[in-house]
N, C-alpha and C. Protein backbone atom coordinates (compact mmCIF):
# COMPACT_ATOMS: atom_id res chain seq x y z
N MET A 1 54.01 34.56 -11.32
CA MET A 1 53.13 33.55 -11.86
C MET A 1 52.43 32.68 -10.73
N ARG A 2 53.33 32.55 -9.81
CA ARG A 2 52.82 31.70 -8.74
C ARG A 2 51.57 32.30 -7.98
N SER A 3 51.64 33.61 -7.78
CA SER A 3 50.40 34.17 -7.04
C SER A 3 49.22 34.26 -7.90
N ARG A 4 49.29 34.27 -9.20
CA ARG A 4 48.20 34.26 -10.27
C ARG A 4 47.52 32.86 -10.03
N ARG A 5 48.24 31.85 -9.96
CA ARG A 5 47.72 30.41 -9.83
C ARG A 5 46.99 30.27 -8.53
N LYS A 6 47.40 30.93 -7.40
CA LYS A 6 46.65 30.74 -6.12
C LYS A 6 45.37 31.55 -6.29
N ALA A 7 45.37 32.58 -6.85
CA ALA A 7 44.10 33.44 -7.10
C ALA A 7 43.10 32.68 -7.92
N ILE A 8 43.56 31.91 -8.93
CA ILE A 8 42.63 31.15 -9.71
C ILE A 8 42.09 30.06 -8.98
N SER A 9 43.00 29.37 -8.21
CA SER A 9 42.63 28.26 -7.42
C SER A 9 41.57 28.61 -6.40
N GLY A 10 41.90 29.73 -5.73
CA GLY A 10 40.94 30.33 -4.71
C GLY A 10 39.57 30.65 -5.26
N ALA A 11 39.56 31.12 -6.42
CA ALA A 11 38.32 31.50 -7.07
C ALA A 11 37.52 30.30 -7.56
N ILE A 12 38.20 29.27 -7.87
CA ILE A 12 37.51 27.92 -8.32
C ILE A 12 37.01 27.25 -7.05
N THR A 13 37.73 27.38 -5.93
CA THR A 13 37.30 26.78 -4.72
C THR A 13 36.07 27.55 -4.15
N ALA A 14 36.12 28.83 -4.28
CA ALA A 14 34.87 29.60 -3.78
C ALA A 14 33.65 29.29 -4.69
N LEU A 15 33.82 29.20 -5.96
CA LEU A 15 32.70 28.85 -6.87
C LEU A 15 32.20 27.50 -6.59
N ILE A 16 33.12 26.47 -6.38
CA ILE A 16 32.56 25.15 -6.03
C ILE A 16 31.78 25.23 -4.72
N LEU A 17 32.24 25.97 -3.71
CA LEU A 17 31.58 25.94 -2.42
C LEU A 17 30.26 26.68 -2.54
N VAL A 18 30.06 27.71 -3.40
CA VAL A 18 28.83 28.34 -3.71
C VAL A 18 27.85 27.43 -4.31
N ILE A 19 28.36 26.70 -5.42
CA ILE A 19 27.52 25.86 -6.06
C ILE A 19 26.96 24.60 -5.17
N ALA A 20 27.96 24.05 -4.31
CA ALA A 20 27.55 23.04 -3.45
C ALA A 20 26.47 23.64 -2.37
N SER A 21 26.61 24.82 -1.96
CA SER A 21 25.67 25.36 -1.01
C SER A 21 24.39 25.59 -1.54
N VAL A 22 24.25 25.95 -2.86
CA VAL A 22 22.99 26.04 -3.50
C VAL A 22 22.32 24.77 -3.74
N VAL A 23 23.09 23.76 -4.17
CA VAL A 23 22.59 22.36 -4.36
C VAL A 23 22.05 21.79 -3.11
N ILE A 24 22.78 22.09 -1.98
CA ILE A 24 22.20 21.51 -0.68
C ILE A 24 20.95 22.28 -0.15
N ALA A 25 20.93 23.51 -0.38
CA ALA A 25 19.79 24.29 -0.10
C ALA A 25 18.49 23.88 -0.81
N ILE A 26 18.67 23.61 -2.12
CA ILE A 26 17.57 23.22 -2.90
C ILE A 26 17.12 21.88 -2.44
N ALA A 27 18.02 20.90 -2.19
CA ALA A 27 17.71 19.59 -1.78
C ALA A 27 16.89 19.56 -0.42
N VAL A 28 17.38 20.47 0.48
CA VAL A 28 16.69 20.65 1.80
C VAL A 28 15.24 21.08 1.66
N VAL A 29 15.17 22.14 0.89
CA VAL A 29 13.83 22.72 0.66
C VAL A 29 12.90 21.83 -0.10
N GLY A 30 13.52 21.08 -1.14
CA GLY A 30 12.71 19.97 -1.91
C GLY A 30 12.25 18.84 -1.04
N LEU A 31 13.09 18.33 -0.18
CA LEU A 31 12.61 17.32 0.77
C LEU A 31 11.63 17.79 1.80
N ALA A 32 11.91 18.98 2.25
CA ALA A 32 10.90 19.46 3.26
C ALA A 32 9.50 19.62 2.70
N PHE A 33 9.37 20.02 1.44
CA PHE A 33 8.15 20.28 0.76
C PHE A 33 7.64 19.05 -0.03
N GLY A 34 8.39 17.84 -0.06
CA GLY A 34 7.87 16.73 -0.65
C GLY A 34 8.05 16.87 -2.16
N LEU A 35 8.85 17.83 -2.73
CA LEU A 35 9.05 17.89 -4.12
C LEU A 35 9.81 16.78 -4.74
N PHE A 36 10.61 16.13 -4.09
CA PHE A 36 11.26 14.89 -4.53
C PHE A 36 10.65 13.65 -3.90
N SER A 37 9.54 13.26 -4.48
CA SER A 37 8.75 12.25 -3.83
C SER A 37 9.58 10.90 -3.88
N GLY A 38 10.51 10.62 -4.73
CA GLY A 38 11.28 9.45 -4.77
C GLY A 38 12.18 9.36 -3.47
N PHE A 39 12.68 10.60 -3.04
CA PHE A 39 13.52 10.59 -1.88
C PHE A 39 12.79 10.87 -0.73
N ALA A 40 11.62 11.40 -0.66
CA ALA A 40 10.85 11.74 0.49
C ALA A 40 10.06 10.56 0.94
N GLY A 41 10.12 9.48 0.38
CA GLY A 41 9.35 8.18 0.84
C GLY A 41 8.03 8.20 0.41
N SER A 42 7.47 9.04 -0.40
CA SER A 42 6.06 9.00 -0.86
C SER A 42 5.86 7.80 -1.65
N GLY A 43 4.90 6.89 -1.10
CA GLY A 43 4.68 5.60 -1.82
C GLY A 43 5.58 4.49 -1.34
N THR A 44 6.86 4.79 -0.97
CA THR A 44 7.73 3.75 -0.55
C THR A 44 7.58 3.54 0.85
N GLY A 45 6.71 4.32 1.66
CA GLY A 45 6.51 4.23 2.93
C GLY A 45 5.42 3.24 3.41
N LEU A 46 5.00 2.34 2.39
CA LEU A 46 4.02 1.32 2.68
C LEU A 46 4.52 0.22 3.51
N GLN A 47 3.79 -0.20 4.60
CA GLN A 47 4.30 -1.28 5.39
C GLN A 47 3.04 -1.87 6.10
N GLN A 48 3.14 -3.20 6.32
CA GLN A 48 2.08 -3.90 7.13
C GLN A 48 2.39 -3.72 8.54
N VAL A 49 1.23 -3.50 9.32
CA VAL A 49 1.53 -3.44 10.74
C VAL A 49 0.80 -4.76 11.43
N GLY A 50 1.55 -5.50 12.05
CA GLY A 50 1.15 -6.75 12.61
C GLY A 50 0.96 -7.75 11.51
N THR A 51 0.25 -8.87 11.95
CA THR A 51 -0.22 -9.94 11.05
C THR A 51 -1.56 -9.90 10.70
N GLY A 52 -1.92 -10.00 9.49
CA GLY A 52 -3.27 -10.07 8.95
C GLY A 52 -3.95 -11.39 9.33
N THR A 53 -5.31 -11.31 9.39
CA THR A 53 -6.13 -12.58 9.51
C THR A 53 -7.04 -12.85 8.37
N LEU A 54 -7.19 -14.20 8.27
CA LEU A 54 -8.05 -14.63 7.07
C LEU A 54 -9.41 -15.16 7.78
N SER A 55 -10.51 -14.84 7.22
CA SER A 55 -11.74 -15.39 7.66
C SER A 55 -12.55 -15.70 6.43
N SER A 56 -13.54 -16.57 6.69
CA SER A 56 -14.58 -16.88 5.58
C SER A 56 -15.96 -16.67 6.05
N VAL A 57 -16.79 -16.25 5.05
CA VAL A 57 -18.20 -15.90 5.33
C VAL A 57 -19.03 -16.42 4.26
N THR A 58 -20.23 -16.82 4.47
CA THR A 58 -21.19 -17.16 3.48
C THR A 58 -22.35 -16.23 3.48
N VAL A 59 -22.67 -15.50 2.49
CA VAL A 59 -23.77 -14.62 2.31
C VAL A 59 -24.62 -15.00 0.99
N SER A 60 -25.88 -15.18 1.25
CA SER A 60 -26.77 -15.58 0.15
C SER A 60 -26.23 -16.63 -0.75
N GLY A 61 -25.59 -17.60 -0.23
CA GLY A 61 -25.12 -18.71 -0.81
C GLY A 61 -23.74 -18.48 -1.54
N THR A 62 -23.12 -17.45 -1.34
CA THR A 62 -21.89 -17.12 -1.97
C THR A 62 -20.81 -17.15 -0.82
N ASP A 63 -19.70 -17.87 -1.01
CA ASP A 63 -18.71 -17.81 0.01
C ASP A 63 -17.71 -16.78 -0.31
N TYR A 64 -17.20 -16.12 0.85
CA TYR A 64 -16.22 -15.00 0.64
C TYR A 64 -15.05 -15.23 1.52
N ALA A 65 -13.83 -14.92 1.06
CA ALA A 65 -12.65 -14.88 1.84
C ALA A 65 -12.46 -13.42 2.30
N VAL A 66 -11.94 -13.19 3.46
CA VAL A 66 -11.80 -11.89 4.00
C VAL A 66 -10.41 -11.74 4.62
N ILE A 67 -9.56 -11.02 4.04
CA ILE A 67 -8.21 -10.73 4.81
C ILE A 67 -8.31 -9.34 5.50
N GLN A 68 -8.10 -9.33 6.64
CA GLN A 68 -8.05 -8.11 7.53
C GLN A 68 -6.59 -7.78 7.76
N VAL A 69 -6.28 -6.59 7.27
CA VAL A 69 -4.85 -6.27 7.40
C VAL A 69 -4.72 -4.74 7.70
N THR A 70 -3.67 -4.37 8.49
CA THR A 70 -3.47 -3.00 8.76
C THR A 70 -2.25 -2.42 7.93
N ILE A 71 -2.36 -1.45 7.15
CA ILE A 71 -1.33 -1.04 6.29
C ILE A 71 -1.13 0.41 6.67
N LYS A 72 0.25 0.71 6.85
CA LYS A 72 0.66 2.03 7.21
C LYS A 72 1.30 2.66 5.90
N ASN A 73 0.75 3.82 5.69
CA ASN A 73 1.42 4.60 4.58
C ASN A 73 2.17 5.89 5.16
N GLY A 74 3.45 5.71 5.27
CA GLY A 74 4.24 6.80 5.72
C GLY A 74 4.60 7.88 4.75
N GLY A 75 4.13 7.75 3.49
CA GLY A 75 4.28 8.69 2.46
C GLY A 75 3.37 9.80 2.46
N SER A 76 3.53 10.80 1.63
CA SER A 76 2.72 12.01 1.61
C SER A 76 1.69 11.98 0.60
N SER A 77 1.54 10.77 -0.19
CA SER A 77 0.51 10.66 -1.22
C SER A 77 -0.26 9.40 -1.06
N ALA A 78 -1.54 9.42 -1.45
CA ALA A 78 -2.41 8.20 -1.48
C ALA A 78 -1.82 7.30 -2.46
N VAL A 79 -1.93 5.97 -2.22
CA VAL A 79 -1.39 5.04 -3.20
C VAL A 79 -2.65 4.06 -3.47
N ALA A 80 -2.79 3.91 -4.88
CA ALA A 80 -3.90 3.11 -5.37
C ALA A 80 -3.75 1.72 -5.09
N PHE A 81 -4.78 0.90 -4.65
CA PHE A 81 -4.69 -0.54 -4.48
C PHE A 81 -4.43 -1.15 -5.90
N PRO A 82 -3.85 -2.27 -5.99
CA PRO A 82 -3.56 -2.91 -7.34
C PRO A 82 -4.87 -3.21 -8.15
N SER A 83 -4.91 -3.02 -9.45
CA SER A 83 -5.99 -3.24 -10.19
C SER A 83 -6.23 -4.75 -10.28
N THR A 84 -5.26 -5.54 -10.15
CA THR A 84 -5.50 -7.03 -10.09
C THR A 84 -4.65 -7.70 -8.94
N ILE A 85 -5.18 -8.76 -8.35
CA ILE A 85 -4.49 -9.48 -7.25
C ILE A 85 -4.61 -10.94 -7.57
N SER A 86 -3.63 -11.73 -7.18
CA SER A 86 -3.72 -13.20 -7.30
C SER A 86 -3.91 -13.72 -5.92
N PHE A 87 -4.98 -14.52 -5.65
CA PHE A 87 -5.40 -15.17 -4.41
C PHE A 87 -5.88 -16.47 -4.61
N ALA A 88 -5.47 -17.47 -3.82
CA ALA A 88 -5.96 -18.90 -3.83
C ALA A 88 -6.01 -19.40 -5.39
N GLY A 89 -4.90 -19.03 -6.04
CA GLY A 89 -4.81 -19.50 -7.52
C GLY A 89 -5.71 -18.86 -8.51
N LYS A 90 -6.40 -17.81 -8.18
CA LYS A 90 -7.16 -17.10 -9.09
C LYS A 90 -6.74 -15.53 -9.08
N THR A 91 -6.92 -14.90 -10.31
CA THR A 91 -6.73 -13.49 -10.35
C THR A 91 -8.05 -12.74 -10.25
N TYR A 92 -8.00 -11.74 -9.45
CA TYR A 92 -9.17 -10.94 -9.19
C TYR A 92 -8.90 -9.48 -9.58
N SER A 93 -9.87 -8.77 -10.06
CA SER A 93 -9.85 -7.39 -10.53
C SER A 93 -10.44 -6.55 -9.48
N LEU A 94 -9.99 -5.34 -9.18
CA LEU A 94 -10.56 -4.39 -8.22
C LEU A 94 -11.87 -3.99 -8.69
N PHE A 95 -12.79 -4.06 -7.71
CA PHE A 95 -14.19 -3.76 -7.95
C PHE A 95 -14.76 -2.74 -6.92
N GLN A 96 -15.42 -1.79 -7.36
CA GLN A 96 -16.07 -0.79 -6.37
C GLN A 96 -17.44 -0.59 -6.60
N SER A 97 -18.33 -0.90 -5.59
CA SER A 97 -19.70 -0.61 -5.68
C SER A 97 -20.20 -0.28 -4.18
N SER A 98 -20.94 0.64 -4.11
CA SER A 98 -21.53 1.06 -2.79
C SER A 98 -22.71 0.32 -2.55
N SER A 99 -23.25 -0.53 -3.46
CA SER A 99 -24.34 -1.27 -3.25
C SER A 99 -24.40 -2.82 -3.26
N LYS A 100 -23.21 -3.35 -3.69
CA LYS A 100 -23.06 -4.82 -3.57
C LYS A 100 -21.66 -5.37 -3.50
N LEU A 101 -21.62 -6.59 -3.04
CA LEU A 101 -20.36 -7.22 -2.71
C LEU A 101 -19.78 -7.63 -4.06
N PRO A 102 -18.37 -7.94 -4.10
CA PRO A 102 -17.69 -8.31 -5.39
C PRO A 102 -18.22 -9.66 -5.79
N GLN A 103 -18.36 -9.87 -6.93
CA GLN A 103 -18.76 -11.16 -7.59
C GLN A 103 -17.71 -11.73 -8.60
N TYR A 104 -17.80 -12.97 -8.93
CA TYR A 104 -16.92 -13.66 -9.92
C TYR A 104 -15.47 -13.40 -9.60
N GLN A 105 -14.74 -12.83 -10.57
CA GLN A 105 -13.33 -12.71 -10.38
C GLN A 105 -12.92 -11.29 -10.03
N ASN A 106 -13.73 -10.77 -9.06
CA ASN A 106 -13.47 -9.35 -8.63
C ASN A 106 -13.14 -9.32 -7.04
N TYR A 107 -12.52 -8.36 -6.58
CA TYR A 107 -12.22 -8.18 -5.16
C TYR A 107 -12.46 -6.73 -4.78
N SER A 108 -12.83 -6.51 -3.57
CA SER A 108 -13.10 -5.13 -2.98
C SER A 108 -12.30 -4.94 -1.78
N VAL A 109 -12.04 -3.68 -1.38
CA VAL A 109 -11.32 -3.33 -0.35
C VAL A 109 -12.26 -2.36 0.47
N TYR A 110 -12.36 -2.65 1.88
CA TYR A 110 -13.37 -1.91 2.65
C TYR A 110 -12.48 -1.33 3.96
N ILE A 111 -13.15 -0.29 4.51
CA ILE A 111 -12.37 0.19 5.73
C ILE A 111 -13.10 -0.23 6.92
N SER A 112 -14.27 -0.99 6.77
CA SER A 112 -14.96 -1.62 7.86
C SER A 112 -15.42 -2.96 7.42
N ASN A 113 -15.54 -3.87 8.27
CA ASN A 113 -15.86 -5.15 7.92
C ASN A 113 -17.31 -5.18 7.27
N PRO A 114 -17.51 -5.57 6.06
CA PRO A 114 -18.83 -5.56 5.39
C PRO A 114 -19.82 -6.66 5.99
N PHE A 115 -19.13 -7.55 6.70
CA PHE A 115 -19.91 -8.73 7.26
C PHE A 115 -20.16 -8.64 8.67
N SER A 116 -20.12 -7.35 9.19
CA SER A 116 -20.36 -7.06 10.68
C SER A 116 -21.84 -7.31 11.03
N SER A 117 -22.73 -7.21 10.00
CA SER A 117 -24.00 -7.50 10.22
C SER A 117 -24.48 -8.77 9.43
N PRO A 118 -25.50 -9.44 9.84
CA PRO A 118 -25.91 -10.60 9.10
C PRO A 118 -26.15 -10.39 7.61
N THR A 119 -26.83 -9.31 7.20
CA THR A 119 -27.03 -9.09 5.75
C THR A 119 -26.37 -7.70 5.44
N PRO A 120 -25.24 -7.71 4.80
CA PRO A 120 -24.59 -6.35 4.51
C PRO A 120 -25.44 -5.52 3.43
N THR A 121 -25.57 -4.27 3.72
CA THR A 121 -26.34 -3.38 2.89
C THR A 121 -25.55 -2.16 2.50
N THR A 122 -24.57 -1.80 3.36
CA THR A 122 -23.73 -0.60 3.12
C THR A 122 -22.34 -0.99 2.93
N PHE A 123 -21.66 -0.53 2.10
CA PHE A 123 -20.22 -0.75 1.77
C PHE A 123 -19.37 0.44 1.67
N ASN A 124 -18.34 0.43 2.59
CA ASN A 124 -17.42 1.55 2.63
C ASN A 124 -16.16 1.15 1.81
N ASN A 125 -16.33 0.90 0.46
CA ASN A 125 -15.23 0.71 -0.42
C ASN A 125 -14.18 1.76 -0.44
N VAL A 126 -12.93 1.35 -0.71
CA VAL A 126 -11.78 2.32 -0.89
C VAL A 126 -11.03 1.77 -1.98
N THR A 127 -10.36 2.67 -2.67
CA THR A 127 -9.38 2.28 -3.77
C THR A 127 -7.96 2.68 -3.57
N THR A 128 -7.75 3.43 -2.40
CA THR A 128 -6.29 3.92 -2.15
C THR A 128 -6.08 3.58 -0.67
N VAL A 129 -4.73 3.51 -0.39
CA VAL A 129 -4.22 3.55 0.98
C VAL A 129 -3.99 4.92 1.27
N GLN A 130 -4.52 5.56 2.21
CA GLN A 130 -4.40 6.90 2.61
C GLN A 130 -2.96 7.30 3.11
N PRO A 131 -2.46 8.55 2.80
CA PRO A 131 -1.17 9.00 3.22
C PRO A 131 -1.11 9.32 4.80
N ASN A 132 0.10 9.24 5.24
CA ASN A 132 0.29 9.61 6.72
C ASN A 132 -0.60 8.96 7.60
N SER A 133 -0.90 7.61 7.45
CA SER A 133 -1.86 6.89 8.34
C SER A 133 -1.65 5.50 8.35
N ALA A 134 -2.21 4.92 9.39
CA ALA A 134 -2.22 3.45 9.59
C ALA A 134 -3.68 3.02 9.60
N GLN A 135 -4.21 2.30 8.72
CA GLN A 135 -5.63 1.89 8.48
C GLN A 135 -5.84 0.50 8.42
N THR A 136 -6.78 -0.02 9.11
CA THR A 136 -7.20 -1.51 8.79
C THR A 136 -8.09 -1.55 7.56
N TYR A 137 -7.84 -2.53 6.76
CA TYR A 137 -8.44 -2.77 5.44
C TYR A 137 -8.95 -4.23 5.50
N TYR A 138 -10.10 -4.37 4.77
CA TYR A 138 -10.71 -5.69 4.53
C TYR A 138 -10.66 -5.95 3.08
N LEU A 139 -9.90 -6.88 2.61
CA LEU A 139 -9.79 -7.42 1.33
C LEU A 139 -10.67 -8.60 1.20
N VAL A 140 -11.79 -8.43 0.33
CA VAL A 140 -12.87 -9.42 0.15
C VAL A 140 -12.87 -10.04 -1.09
N PHE A 141 -12.81 -11.37 -1.21
CA PHE A 141 -12.83 -12.16 -2.50
C PHE A 141 -13.96 -13.20 -2.52
N PRO A 142 -14.77 -13.39 -3.54
CA PRO A 142 -15.65 -14.43 -3.66
C PRO A 142 -14.81 -15.72 -3.91
N VAL A 143 -15.09 -16.81 -3.30
CA VAL A 143 -14.37 -18.08 -3.51
C VAL A 143 -15.22 -19.18 -3.63
N THR A 144 -14.78 -20.19 -4.31
CA THR A 144 -15.45 -21.52 -4.41
C THR A 144 -14.48 -22.65 -3.95
N ASN A 145 -15.07 -23.60 -3.27
CA ASN A 145 -14.29 -24.77 -2.88
C ASN A 145 -13.08 -24.30 -2.10
N PHE A 146 -13.32 -23.37 -1.05
CA PHE A 146 -12.18 -22.66 -0.34
C PHE A 146 -12.07 -23.38 1.05
N ASN A 147 -10.85 -23.78 1.37
CA ASN A 147 -10.48 -24.34 2.66
C ASN A 147 -9.58 -23.29 3.45
N PRO A 148 -10.20 -22.43 4.31
CA PRO A 148 -9.41 -21.53 4.94
C PRO A 148 -8.36 -22.09 5.95
N GLY A 149 -8.64 -23.30 6.50
CA GLY A 149 -7.83 -24.15 7.47
C GLY A 149 -6.47 -24.35 6.74
N ALA A 150 -6.37 -24.39 5.37
CA ALA A 150 -5.14 -24.57 4.73
C ALA A 150 -4.13 -23.51 4.91
N TYR A 151 -4.75 -22.28 5.52
CA TYR A 151 -3.92 -21.11 5.72
C TYR A 151 -3.68 -20.92 7.19
N SER A 152 -3.58 -21.93 7.96
CA SER A 152 -3.38 -21.83 9.39
C SER A 152 -1.85 -21.40 9.77
N SER A 153 -0.95 -21.69 8.75
CA SER A 153 0.34 -21.20 9.02
C SER A 153 0.38 -19.89 8.17
N PRO A 154 1.38 -19.08 8.59
CA PRO A 154 1.42 -17.76 7.90
C PRO A 154 1.55 -17.98 6.32
N SER A 155 0.65 -17.07 5.72
CA SER A 155 0.61 -17.18 4.22
C SER A 155 0.97 -15.73 3.73
N THR A 156 1.23 -15.50 2.45
CA THR A 156 1.67 -14.13 2.03
C THR A 156 0.81 -13.91 0.70
N LEU A 157 0.34 -12.60 0.68
CA LEU A 157 -0.40 -12.22 -0.52
C LEU A 157 0.37 -11.01 -0.97
N ASP A 158 0.94 -10.99 -2.08
CA ASP A 158 1.78 -9.88 -2.67
C ASP A 158 0.76 -8.77 -3.21
N LEU A 159 0.90 -7.54 -2.76
CA LEU A 159 0.14 -6.49 -3.28
C LEU A 159 1.12 -5.63 -4.13
N ASN A 160 1.01 -5.74 -5.41
CA ASN A 160 1.79 -5.02 -6.39
C ASN A 160 1.22 -3.78 -6.73
N PHE A 161 1.53 -2.71 -6.00
CA PHE A 161 0.86 -1.33 -6.18
C PHE A 161 1.29 -0.72 -7.57
N PRO A 162 0.40 0.12 -8.07
CA PRO A 162 0.71 0.76 -9.33
C PRO A 162 2.06 1.64 -9.37
N ASN A 163 2.43 2.06 -8.15
CA ASN A 163 3.57 2.91 -8.05
C ASN A 163 4.85 2.22 -8.09
N GLY A 164 4.84 0.91 -8.21
CA GLY A 164 6.02 0.03 -8.25
C GLY A 164 6.45 -0.66 -6.93
N VAL A 165 5.75 -0.36 -5.95
CA VAL A 165 5.98 -0.87 -4.68
C VAL A 165 5.26 -2.25 -4.48
N THR A 166 5.89 -3.29 -3.97
CA THR A 166 5.30 -4.53 -3.84
C THR A 166 5.27 -4.72 -2.22
N LEU A 167 4.10 -5.03 -1.75
CA LEU A 167 4.00 -5.11 -0.28
C LEU A 167 3.50 -6.57 0.03
N PRO A 168 4.31 -7.42 0.54
CA PRO A 168 3.92 -8.78 0.88
C PRO A 168 3.07 -8.73 2.18
N ILE A 169 1.76 -9.14 2.03
CA ILE A 169 0.97 -9.07 3.17
C ILE A 169 0.88 -10.51 3.82
N THR A 170 1.32 -10.57 5.04
CA THR A 170 1.42 -11.89 5.88
C THR A 170 0.10 -11.88 6.60
N TYR A 171 -0.59 -13.14 6.52
CA TYR A 171 -1.84 -13.30 7.17
C TYR A 171 -1.94 -14.85 7.71
N VAL A 172 -2.72 -15.04 8.49
CA VAL A 172 -2.98 -16.41 9.06
C VAL A 172 -4.52 -16.67 9.22
N TYR A 173 -4.95 -17.92 9.19
CA TYR A 173 -6.41 -18.21 9.56
C TYR A 173 -6.32 -18.73 11.03
N PRO A 174 -6.84 -17.83 11.90
CA PRO A 174 -6.73 -18.33 13.37
C PRO A 174 -7.42 -19.59 13.60
N ASN A 175 -6.92 -20.45 14.39
CA ASN A 175 -7.66 -21.73 14.78
C ASN A 175 -8.85 -21.30 15.51
N GLN A 176 -9.95 -21.91 14.96
CA GLN A 176 -11.34 -21.61 15.51
C GLN A 176 -11.71 -22.56 16.68
């Protein structure tokens, strides 16, 4: 009887080792090819690089706040910018137009400063943080009665991305 028990015990041990090997092999292949995005860091790899800066610009009688920030996406998928953001006590909706700046309660994201020329005419709007990259973005908000000097100490803007990641953006208004 005793030898039969060892045989069953050995068979069970071998079966457990085979199952464990298969599970490990599947996990390694899945992570290597990004099949398990929750574990591979897709979308959770968002981070700010350095400290952002806040500036203000007036164009055609409209005041704009501009937050320049570099965001790194270490994940393998593009991540959409939030559809709404709260800034300076107001809620703004994401706006995309290649022909005009955001108005009213809208904000836009650009990959180059839209105010680099006196009269902006071309806009490089984006709606996603690109994967496997570090990119500088310009978040632009129309503002009224805005005092950028109030932001001379580090301030935070929470970007609540649709994939569930919240990225607190730290920025300052540099002393002019």
